[in-house]
């Protein structure tokens, strides 16, 4: 299902739903702009979320943006392990619902 060529269809979403698309793009840009959390950290957070949601498009996009913002491979590796630990922790804590 994952095919990078599908990203070329992204502008068509803007044509089909222009107001919502503009609002999404504006929101996306607003949350990444530098405020309190540095852009590199925001992109590392985005990578962790992308790994957790398992969105290959987001993984590619935010990994590239994180590197562009100065993230190292070591930071990306640590981010990967944090995402894995949090996801596993969620399974463990939700597992408490399966026992009496």
PDB file of N, CA and C in Angstrom:
ATOM      1  N   UNK A   1       0.817  -1.191   0.000  1.00  0.00           N
ATOM      2  CA  UNK A   1       0.000   0.000   0.000  1.00  0.00           C
ATOM      3  C   UNK A   1       0.862   1.256   0.000  1.00  0.00           C
ATOM      4  N   UNK A   2       2.021   1.200   0.650  1.00  0.00           N
ATOM      5  CA  UNK A   2       2.883   2.379   0.718  1.00  0.00           C
ATOM      6  C   UNK A   2       3.602   2.578  -0.605  1.00  0.00           C
ATOM      7  N   UNK A   3       3.405   3.715  -1.191  1.00  0.00           N
ATOM      8  CA  UNK A   3       4.054   4.062  -2.439  1.00  0.00           C
ATOM      9  C   UNK A   3       4.291   5.569  -2.409  1.00  0.00           C
ATOM     10  N   UNK A   4       5.568   5.952  -2.374  1.00  0.00           N
ATOM     11  CA  UNK A   4       5.900   7.379  -2.278  1.00  0.00           C
ATOM     12  C   UNK A   4       5.246   8.203  -3.392  1.00  0.00           C
ATOM     13  N   UNK A   5       4.960   7.571  -4.504  1.00  0.00           N
ATOM     14  CA  UNK A   5       4.329   8.303  -5.606  1.00  0.00           C
ATOM     15  C   UNK A   5       2.949   8.828  -5.223  1.00  0.00           C
ATOM     16  N   UNK A   6       2.330   8.205  -4.228  1.00  0.00           N
ATOM     17  CA  UNK A   6       1.018   8.679  -3.787  1.00  0.00           C
ATOM     18  C   UNK A   6       1.074  10.098  -3.234  1.00  0.00           C
ATOM     19  N   UNK A   7       2.241  10.499  -2.728  1.00  0.00           N
ATOM     20  CA  UNK A   7       2.371  11.857  -2.209  1.00  0.00           C
ATOM     21  C   UNK A   7       2.163  12.910  -3.292  1.00  0.00           C
ATOM     22  N   UNK A   8       2.350  12.524  -4.544  1.00  0.00           N
ATOM     23  CA  UNK A   8       2.112  13.464  -5.641  1.00  0.00           C
ATOM     24  C   UNK A   8       0.613  13.798  -5.769  1.00  0.00           C
ATOM     25  N   UNK A   9      -0.223  13.000  -5.135  1.00  0.00           N
ATOM     26  CA  UNK A   9      -1.675  13.246  -5.155  1.00  0.00           C
ATOM     27  C   UNK A   9      -2.109  14.214  -4.059  1.00  0.00           C
ATOM     28  N   UNK A  10      -1.179  14.561  -3.176  1.00  0.00           N
ATOM     29  CA  UNK A  10      -1.511  15.439  -2.052  1.00  0.00           C
ATOM     30  C   UNK A  10      -2.176  16.746  -2.497  1.00  0.00           C
ATOM     31  N   UNK A  11      -1.657  17.425  -3.526  1.00  0.00           N
ATOM     32  CA  UNK A  11      -2.305  18.670  -3.960  1.00  0.00           C
ATOM     33  C   UNK A  11      -3.759  18.478  -4.393  1.00  0.00           C
ATOM     34  N   UNK A  12      -4.086  17.287  -4.874  1.00  0.00           N
ATOM     35  CA  UNK A  12      -5.468  17.030  -5.303  1.00  0.00           C
ATOM     36  C   UNK A  12      -6.417  17.122  -4.108  1.00  0.00           C
ATOM     37  N   UNK A  13      -5.939  16.718  -2.924  1.00  0.00           N
ATOM     38  CA  UNK A  13      -6.763  16.889  -1.726  1.00  0.00           C
ATOM     39  C   UNK A  13      -7.119  18.362  -1.531  1.00  0.00           C
ATOM     40  N   UNK A  14      -6.141  19.231  -1.812  1.00  0.00           N
ATOM     41  CA  UNK A  14      -6.372  20.667  -1.700  1.00  0.00           C
ATOM     42  C   UNK A  14      -7.397  21.179  -2.693  1.00  0.00           C
ATOM     43  N   UNK A  15      -7.422  20.567  -3.854  1.00  0.00           N
ATOM     44  CA  UNK A  15      -8.411  20.952  -4.869  1.00  0.00           C
ATOM     45  C   UNK A  15      -9.805  20.468  -4.491  1.00  0.00           C
ATOM     46  N   UNK A  16      -9.873  19.282  -3.932  1.00  0.00           N
ATOM     47  CA  UNK A  16     -11.171  18.678  -3.615  1.00  0.00           C
ATOM     48  C   UNK A  16     -11.793  19.220  -2.337  1.00  0.00           C
ATOM     49  N   UNK A  17     -10.954  19.638  -1.399  1.00  0.00           N
ATOM     50  CA  UNK A  17     -11.440  20.179  -0.129  1.00  0.00           C
ATOM     51  C   UNK A  17     -10.560  21.362   0.267  1.00  0.00           C
ATOM     52  N   UNK A  18     -10.655  22.462  -0.485  1.00  0.00           N
ATOM     53  CA  UNK A  18      -9.707  23.570  -0.313  1.00  0.00           C
ATOM     54  C   UNK A  18      -9.683  24.216   1.072  1.00  0.00           C
ATOM     55  N   UNK A  19     -10.816  24.454   1.664  1.00  0.00           N
ATOM     56  CA  UNK A  19     -10.829  25.136   2.964  1.00  0.00           C
ATOM     57  C   UNK A  19     -10.215  24.262   4.049  1.00  0.00           C
ATOM     58  N   UNK A  20     -10.621  23.028   4.106  1.00  0.00           N
ATOM     59  CA  UNK A  20     -10.082  22.117   5.123  1.00  0.00           C
ATOM     60  C   UNK A  20      -8.589  21.881   4.889  1.00  0.00           C
ATOM     61  N   UNK A  21      -8.200  21.759   3.627  1.00  0.00           N
ATOM     62  CA  UNK A  21      -6.795  21.534   3.294  1.00  0.00           C
ATOM     63  C   UNK A  21      -5.945  22.725   3.735  1.00  0.00           C
ATOM     64  N   UNK A  22      -6.400  23.935   3.441  1.00  0.00           N
ATOM     65  CA  UNK A  22      -5.671  25.136   3.858  1.00  0.00           C
ATOM     66  C   UNK A  22      -5.548  25.196   5.378  1.00  0.00           C
ATOM     67  N   UNK A  23      -6.622  24.838   6.065  1.00  0.00           N
ATOM     68  CA  UNK A  23      -6.597  24.854   7.530  1.00  0.00           C
ATOM     69  C   UNK A  23      -5.600  23.822   8.058  1.00  0.00           C
ATOM     70  N   UNK A  24      -5.562  22.637   7.439  1.00  0.00           N
ATOM     71  CA  UNK A  24      -4.620  21.608   7.863  1.00  0.00           C
ATOM     72  C   UNK A  24      -3.189  22.085   7.662  1.00  0.00           C
ATOM     73  N   UNK A  25      -2.898  22.624   6.482  1.00  0.00           N
ATOM     74  CA  UNK A  25      -1.539  23.084   6.182  1.00  0.00           C
ATOM     75  C   UNK A  25      -1.127  24.192   7.150  1.00  0.00           C
ATOM     76  N   UNK A  26      -2.034  25.125   7.412  1.00  0.00           N
ATOM     77  CA  UNK A  26      -1.731  26.219   8.337  1.00  0.00           C
ATOM     78  C   UNK A  26      -1.477  25.683   9.739  1.00  0.00           C
ATOM     79  N   UNK A  27      -2.282  24.724  10.183  1.00  0.00           N
ATOM     80  CA  UNK A  27      -2.097  24.120  11.502  1.00  0.00           C
ATOM     81  C   UNK A  27      -0.763  23.394  11.570  1.00  0.00           C
ATOM     82  N   UNK A  28      -0.465  22.593  10.552  1.00  0.00           N
ATOM     83  CA  UNK A  28       0.779  21.830  10.495  1.00  0.00           C
ATOM     84  C   UNK A  28       1.992  22.763  10.567  1.00  0.00           C
ATOM     85  N   UNK A  29       1.950  23.850   9.823  1.00  0.00           N
ATOM     86  CA  UNK A  29       3.058  24.809   9.826  1.00  0.00           C
ATOM     87  C   UNK A  29       3.171  25.525  11.167  1.00  0.00           C
ATOM     88  N   UNK A  30       2.020  25.851  11.764  1.00  0.00           N
ATOM     89  CA  UNK A  30       2.021  26.596  13.028  1.00  0.00           C
ATOM     90  C   UNK A  30       2.627  25.787  14.167  1.00  0.00           C
ATOM     91  N   UNK A  31       2.348  24.485  14.212  1.00  0.00           N
ATOM     92  CA  UNK A  31       2.854  23.702  15.334  1.00  0.00           C
ATOM     93  C   UNK A  31       4.338  23.387  15.209  1.00  0.00           C
ATOM     94  N   UNK A  32       4.889  23.473  14.010  1.00  0.00           N
ATOM     95  CA  UNK A  32       6.311  23.177  13.827  1.00  0.00           C
ATOM     96  C   UNK A  32       7.179  24.424  13.998  1.00  0.00           C
ATOM     97  N   UNK A  33       6.608  25.600  13.777  1.00  0.00           N
ATOM     98  CA  UNK A  33       7.399  26.823  13.930  1.00  0.00           C
ATOM     99  C   UNK A  33       8.041  26.860  15.304  1.00  0.00           C
ATOM    100  N   UNK A  34       9.211  27.477  15.368  1.00  0.00           N
ATOM    101  CA  UNK A  34       9.932  27.556  16.642  1.00  0.00           C
ATOM    102  C   UNK A  34       9.160  28.406  17.643  1.00  0.00           C
ATOM    103  N   UNK A  35       8.896  27.820  18.743  1.00  0.00           N
ATOM    104  CA  UNK A  35       8.302  28.530  19.885  1.00  0.00           C
ATOM    105  C   UNK A  35       9.123  28.155  21.098  1.00  0.00           C
ATOM    106  N   UNK A  36       8.572  27.361  21.969  1.00  0.00           N
ATOM    107  CA  UNK A  36       9.281  26.942  23.171  1.00  0.00           C
ATOM    108  C   UNK A  36      10.142  25.714  22.882  1.00  0.00           C
ATOM    109  N   UNK A  37       9.570  24.729  22.207  1.00  0.00           N
ATOM    110  CA  UNK A  37      10.296  23.495  21.882  1.00  0.00           C
ATOM    111  C   UNK A  37      11.045  23.710  20.567  1.00  0.00           C
ATOM    112  N   UNK A  38      12.347  23.466  20.542  1.00  0.00           N
ATOM    113  CA  UNK A  38      13.117  23.637  19.306  1.00  0.00           C
ATOM    114  C   UNK A  38      12.607  22.712  18.187  1.00  0.00           C
ATOM    115  N   UNK A  39      12.762  23.156  16.961  1.00  0.00           N
ATOM    116  CA  UNK A  39      12.274  22.413  15.797  1.00  0.00           C
ATOM    117  C   UNK A  39      12.838  20.996  15.763  1.00  0.00           C
ATOM    118  N   UNK A  40      14.115  20.838  16.071  1.00  0.00           N
ATOM    119  CA  UNK A  40      14.701  19.492  16.051  1.00  0.00           C
ATOM    120  C   UNK A  40      13.956  18.568  16.994  1.00  0.00           C
ATOM    121  N   UNK A  41      13.646  19.047  18.176  1.00  0.00           N
ATOM    122  CA  UNK A  41      12.931  18.228  19.155  1.00  0.00           C
ATOM    123  C   UNK A  41      11.510  17.930  18.677  1.00  0.00           C
ATOM    124  N   UNK A  42      10.866  18.923  18.072  1.00  0.00           N
ATOM    125  CA  UNK A  42       9.518  18.692  17.537  1.00  0.00           C
ATOM    126  C   UNK A  42       9.543  17.614  16.459  1.00  0.00           C
ATOM    127  N   UNK A  43      10.560  17.647  15.605  1.00  0.00           N
ATOM    128  CA  UNK A  43      10.650  16.640  14.547  1.00  0.00           C
ATOM    129  C   UNK A  43      10.972  15.261  15.112  1.00  0.00           C
ATOM    130  N   UNK A  44      11.782  15.197  16.169  1.00  0.00           N
ATOM    131  CA  UNK A  44      12.034  13.912  16.820  1.00  0.00           C
ATOM    132  C   UNK A  44      10.753  13.372  17.457  1.00  0.00           C
ATOM    133  N   UNK A  45       9.961  14.248  18.037  1.00  0.00           N
ATOM    134  CA  UNK A  45       8.652  13.840  18.564  1.00  0.00           C
ATOM    135  C   UNK A  45       7.788  13.313  17.427  1.00  0.00           C
ATOM    136  N   UNK A  46       7.799  14.025  16.301  1.00  0.00           N
ATOM    137  CA  UNK A  46       7.004  13.599  15.136  1.00  0.00           C
ATOM    138  C   UNK A  46       7.461  12.231  14.638  1.00  0.00           C
ATOM    139  N   UNK A  47       8.764  11.983  14.652  1.00  0.00           N
ATOM    140  CA  UNK A  47       9.276  10.661  14.254  1.00  0.00           C
ATOM    141  C   UNK A  47       8.752   9.600  15.210  1.00  0.00           C
ATOM    142  N   UNK A  48       8.799   9.862  16.502  1.00  0.00           N
ATOM    143  CA  UNK A  48       8.309   8.891  17.481  1.00  0.00           C
ATOM    144  C   UNK A  48       6.829   8.590  17.277  1.00  0.00           C
ATOM    145  N   UNK A  49       6.051   9.632  17.036  1.00  0.00           N
ATOM    146  CA  UNK A  49       4.618   9.433  16.795  1.00  0.00           C
ATOM    147  C   UNK A  49       4.407   8.653  15.497  1.00  0.00           C
ATOM    148  N   UNK A  50       5.165   8.999  14.451  1.00  0.00           N
ATOM    149  CA  UNK A  50       5.047   8.302  13.173  1.00  0.00           C
ATOM    150  C   UNK A  50       5.399   6.821  13.311  1.00  0.00           C
ATOM    151  N   UNK A  51       6.419   6.534  14.110  1.00  0.00           N
ATOM    152  CA  UNK A  51       6.773   5.133  14.353  1.00  0.00           C
ATOM    153  C   UNK A  51       5.664   4.418  15.099  1.00  0.00           C
ATOM    154  N   UNK A  52       5.050   5.102  16.047  1.00  0.00           N
ATOM    155  CA  UNK A  52       3.977   4.506  16.836  1.00  0.00           C
ATOM    156  C   UNK A  52       2.726   4.283  15.997  1.00  0.00           C
ATOM    157  N   UNK A  53       2.394   5.247  15.147  1.00  0.00           N
ATOM    158  CA  UNK A  53       1.212   5.093  14.284  1.00  0.00           C
ATOM    159  C   UNK A  53       1.532   4.263  13.047  1.00  0.00           C
ATOM    160  N   UNK A  54       2.811   3.989  12.840  1.00  0.00           N
ATOM    161  CA  UNK A  54       3.310   3.180  11.734  1.00  0.00           C
ATOM    162  C   UNK A  54       2.915   3.758  10.366  1.00  0.00           C
ATOM    163  N   UNK A  55       3.081   5.070  10.243  1.00  0.00           N
ATOM    164  CA  UNK A  55       2.823   5.750   8.976  1.00  0.00           C
ATOM    165  C   UNK A  55       4.143   5.912   8.229  1.00  0.00           C
ATOM    166  N   UNK A  56       4.382   5.116   7.175  1.00  0.00           N
ATOM    167  CA  UNK A  56       5.661   5.198   6.480  1.00  0.00           C
ATOM    168  C   UNK A  56       5.908   6.556   5.820  1.00  0.00           C
ATOM    169  N   UNK A  57       4.853   7.217   5.377  1.00  0.00           N
ATOM    170  CA  UNK A  57       5.022   8.543   4.787  1.00  0.00           C
ATOM    171  C   UNK A  57       5.542   9.511   5.845  1.00  0.00           C
ATOM    172  N   UNK A  58       4.918   9.483   7.016  1.00  0.00           N
ATOM    173  CA  UNK A  58       5.320  10.383   8.103  1.00  0.00           C
ATOM    174  C   UNK A  58       6.722  10.058   8.597  1.00  0.00           C
ATOM    175  N   UNK A  59       7.044   8.757   8.651  1.00  0.00           N
ATOM    176  CA  UNK A  59       8.389   8.367   9.074  1.00  0.00           C
ATOM    177  C   UNK A  59       9.416   8.976   8.129  1.00  0.00           C
ATOM    178  N   UNK A  60       9.203   8.827   6.825  1.00  0.00           N
ATOM    179  CA  UNK A  60      10.130   9.382   5.832  1.00  0.00           C
ATOM    180  C   UNK A  60      10.230  10.902   5.934  1.00  0.00           C
ATOM    181  N   UNK A  61       9.094  11.550   5.954  1.00  0.00           N
ATOM    182  CA  UNK A  61       9.058  13.014   5.945  1.00  0.00           C
ATOM    183  C   UNK A  61       9.700  13.591   7.206  1.00  0.00           C
ATOM    184  N   UNK A  62       9.308  13.077   8.368  1.00  0.00           N
ATOM    185  CA  UNK A  62       9.799  13.675   9.612  1.00  0.00           C
ATOM    186  C   UNK A  62      11.219  13.243   9.952  1.00  0.00           C
ATOM    187  N   UNK A  63      11.649  12.087   9.468  1.00  0.00           N
ATOM    188  CA  UNK A  63      13.052  11.715   9.632  1.00  0.00           C
ATOM    189  C   UNK A  63      13.925  12.687   8.838  1.00  0.00           C
ATOM    190  N   UNK A  64      13.523  12.965   7.604  1.00  0.00           N
ATOM    191  CA  UNK A  64      14.279  13.915   6.779  1.00  0.00           C
ATOM    192  C   UNK A  64      14.292  15.300   7.417  1.00  0.00           C
ATOM    193  N   UNK A  65      13.142  15.740   7.928  1.00  0.00           N
ATOM    194  CA  UNK A  65      13.068  17.056   8.563  1.00  0.00           C
ATOM    195  C   UNK A  65      13.885  17.101   9.855  1.00  0.00           C
ATOM    196  N   UNK A  66      13.884  15.997  10.597  1.00  0.00           N
ATOM    197  CA  UNK A  66      14.683  15.949  11.830  1.00  0.00           C
ATOM    198  C   UNK A  66      16.170  16.057  11.503  1.00  0.00           C
ATOM    199  N   UNK A  67      16.596  15.325  10.477  1.00  0.00           N
ATOM    200  CA  UNK A  67      18.002  15.407  10.063  1.00  0.00           C
ATOM    201  C   UNK A  67      18.341  16.818   9.593  1.00  0.00           C
ATOM    202  N   UNK A  68      17.423  17.413   8.841  1.00  0.00           N
ATOM    203  CA  UNK A  68      17.627  18.779   8.351  1.00  0.00           C
ATOM    204  C   UNK A  68      17.744  19.760   9.524  1.00  0.00           C
ATOM    205  N   UNK A  69      17.043  19.460  10.616  1.00  0.00           N
ATOM    206  CA  UNK A  69      17.087  20.323  11.805  1.00  0.00           C
ATOM    207  C   UNK A  69      18.278  19.991  12.700  1.00  0.00           C
ATOM    208  N   UNK A  70      19.109  19.033  12.283  1.00  0.00           N
ATOM    209  CA  UNK A  70      20.322  18.741  13.024  1.00  0.00           C
ATOM    210  C   UNK A  70      20.312  17.455  13.833  1.00  0.00           C
ATOM    211  N   UNK A  71      19.259  16.655  13.714  1.00  0.00           N
ATOM    212  CA  UNK A  71      19.212  15.404  14.474  1.00  0.00           C
ATOM    213  C   UNK A  71      20.252  14.419  13.939  1.00  0.00           C
ATOM    214  N   UNK A  72      20.877  13.713  14.850  1.00  0.00           N
ATOM    215  CA  UNK A  72      21.882  12.722  14.483  1.00  0.00           C
ATOM    216  C   UNK A  72      21.231  11.349  14.389  1.00  0.00           C
ATOM    217  N   UNK A  73      21.969  10.409  13.803  1.00  0.00           N
ATOM    218  CA  UNK A  73      21.462   9.037  13.743  1.00  0.00           C
ATOM    219  C   UNK A  73      21.317   8.463  15.149  1.00  0.00           C
ATOM    220  N   UNK A  74      22.201   8.856  16.042  1.00  0.00           N
ATOM    221  CA  UNK A  74      22.105   8.392  17.425  1.00  0.00           C
ATOM    222  C   UNK A  74      20.815   8.896  18.077  1.00  0.00           C
ATOM    223  N   UNK A  75      20.463  10.154  17.832  1.00  0.00           N
ATOM    224  CA  UNK A  75      19.208  10.698  18.372  1.00  0.00           C
ATOM    225  C   UNK A  75      18.006   9.998  17.756  1.00  0.00           C
ATOM    226  N   UNK A  76      18.073   9.695  16.463  1.00  0.00           N
ATOM    227  CA  UNK A  76      16.973   8.984  15.806  1.00  0.00           C
ATOM    228  C   UNK A  76      16.853   7.558  16.336  1.00  0.00           C
ATOM    229  N   UNK A  77      17.980   6.921  16.618  1.00  0.00           N
ATOM    230  CA  UNK A  77      17.943   5.576  17.191  1.00  0.00           C
ATOM    231  C   UNK A  77      17.305   5.607  18.576  1.00  0.00           C
ATOM    232  N   UNK A  78      17.697   6.583  19.385  1.00  0.00           N
ATOM    233  CA  UNK A  78      17.119   6.703  20.723  1.00  0.00           C
ATOM    234  C   UNK A  78      15.626   7.008  20.648  1.00  0.00           C
ATOM    235  N   UNK A  79      15.250   7.863  19.700  1.00  0.00           N
ATOM    236  CA  UNK A  79      13.834   8.173  19.486  1.00  0.00           C
ATOM    237  C   UNK A  79      13.062   6.910  19.133  1.00  0.00           C
ATOM    238  N   UNK A  80      13.658   6.065  18.285  1.00  0.00           N
ATOM    239  CA  UNK A  80      13.022   4.806  17.904  1.00  0.00           C
ATOM    240  C   UNK A  80      12.786   3.923  19.123  1.00  0.00           C
ATOM    241  N   UNK A  81      13.797   3.834  19.977  1.00  0.00           N
ATOM    242  CA  UNK A  81      13.663   2.986  21.162  1.00  0.00           C
ATOM    243  C   UNK A  81      12.669   3.555  22.170  1.00  0.00           C
ATOM    244  N   UNK A  82      12.603   4.867  22.275  1.00  0.00           N
ATOM    245  CA  UNK A  82      11.594   5.492  23.143  1.00  0.00           C
ATOM    246  C   UNK A  82      10.202   5.153  22.633  1.00  0.00           C
ATOM    247  N   UNK A  83       9.997   5.295  21.325  1.00  0.00           N
ATOM    248  CA  UNK A  83       8.686   4.970  20.747  1.00  0.00           C
ATOM    249  C   UNK A  83       8.335   3.508  20.976  1.00  0.00           C
ATOM    250  N   UNK A  84       9.309   2.623  20.811  1.00  0.00           N
ATOM    251  CA  UNK A  84       9.071   1.191  21.026  1.00  0.00           C
ATOM    252  C   UNK A  84       8.715   0.912  22.489  1.00  0.00           C
ATOM    253  N   UNK A  85       9.423   1.553  23.406  1.00  0.00           N
ATOM    254  CA  UNK A  85       9.160   1.334  24.829  1.00  0.00           C
ATOM    255  C   UNK A  85       7.777   1.836  25.225  1.00  0.00           C
ATOM    256  N   UNK A  86       7.407   3.003  24.720  1.00  0.00           N
ATOM    257  CA  UNK A  86       6.092   3.569  25.052  1.00  0.00           C
ATOM    258  C   UNK A  86       4.982   2.700  24.475  1.00  0.00           C
ATOM    259  N   UNK A  87       5.180   2.240  23.246  1.00  0.00           N
ATOM    260  CA  UNK A  87       4.162   1.381  22.633  1.00  0.00           C
ATOM    261  C   UNK A  87       4.045   0.062  23.395  1.00  0.00           C
ATOM    262  N   UNK A  88       5.181  -0.514  23.762  1.00  0.00           N
ATOM    263  CA  UNK A  88       5.161  -1.761  24.537  1.00  0.00           C
ATOM    264  C   UNK A  88       4.539  -1.525  25.912  1.00  0.00           C
ATOM    265  N   UNK A  89       4.853  -0.392  26.513  1.00  0.00           N
ATOM    266  CA  UNK A  89       4.263  -0.056  27.808  1.00  0.00           C
ATOM    267  C   UNK A  89       2.750   0.048  27.727  1.00  0.00           C
ATOM    268  N   UNK A  90       2.274   0.602  26.629  1.00  0.00           N
ATOM    269  CA  UNK A  90       0.827   0.690  26.426  1.00  0.00           C
ATOM    270  C   UNK A  90       0.187  -0.688  26.344  1.00  0.00           C
ATOM    271  N   UNK A  91       0.854  -1.610  25.666  1.00  0.00           N
ATOM    272  CA  UNK A  91       0.334  -2.977  25.577  1.00  0.00           C
ATOM    273  C   UNK A  91       0.313  -3.624  26.957  1.00  0.00           C
ATOM    274  N   UNK A  92       1.361  -3.389  27.734  1.00  0.00           N
ATOM    275  CA  UNK A  92       1.438  -3.973  29.073  1.00  0.00           C
ATOM    276  C   UNK A  92       0.333  -3.422  29.973  1.00  0.00           C
ATOM    277  N   UNK A  93       0.170  -2.104  29.981  1.00  0.00           N
ATOM    278  CA  UNK A  93      -0.850  -1.531  30.861  1.00  0.00           C
ATOM    279  C   UNK A  93      -2.254  -1.871  30.389  1.00  0.00           C
ATOM    280  N   UNK A  94      -2.475  -1.920  29.093  1.00  0.00           N
ATOM    281  CA  UNK A  94      -3.791  -2.346  28.588  1.00  0.00           C
ATOM    282  C   UNK A  94      -4.021  -3.824  28.867  1.00  0.00           C
ATOM    283  N   UNK A  95      -2.929  -4.570  28.986  1.00  0.00           N
ATOM    284  CA  UNK A  95      -3.039  -5.987  29.312  1.00  0.00           C
ATOM    285  C   UNK A  95      -3.696  -6.222  30.668  1.00  0.00           C
ATOM    286  N   UNK A  96      -3.649  -5.217  31.535  1.00  0.00           N
ATOM    287  CA  UNK A  96      -4.301  -5.371  32.840  1.00  0.00           C
ATOM    288  C   UNK A  96      -5.815  -5.523  32.696  1.00  0.00           C
ATOM    289  N   UNK A  97      -6.343  -5.103  31.558  1.00  0.00           N
ATOM    290  CA  UNK A  97      -7.794  -5.249  31.314  1.00  0.00           C
ATOM    291  C   UNK A  97      -8.157  -6.706  30.997  1.00  0.00           C
ATOM    292  N   UNK A  98      -7.164  -7.532  30.734  1.00  0.00           N
ATOM    293  CA  UNK A  98      -7.457  -8.920  30.348  1.00  0.00           C
ATOM    294  C   UNK A  98      -7.445  -9.880  31.521  1.00  0.00           C
ATOM    295  N   UNK A  99      -7.063  -9.397  32.694  1.00  0.00           N
ATOM    296  CA  UNK A  99      -7.010 -10.286  33.847  1.00  0.00           C
ATOM    297  C   UNK A  99      -7.997  -9.840  34.916  1.00  0.00           C
ATOM    298  N   UNK A 100      -8.443 -10.809  35.691  1.00  0.00           N
ATOM    299  CA  UNK A 100      -9.450 -10.521  36.716  1.00  0.00           C
ATOM    300  C   UNK A 100      -8.825  -9.924  37.953  1.00  0.00           C
TER     301      UNK A 100
END
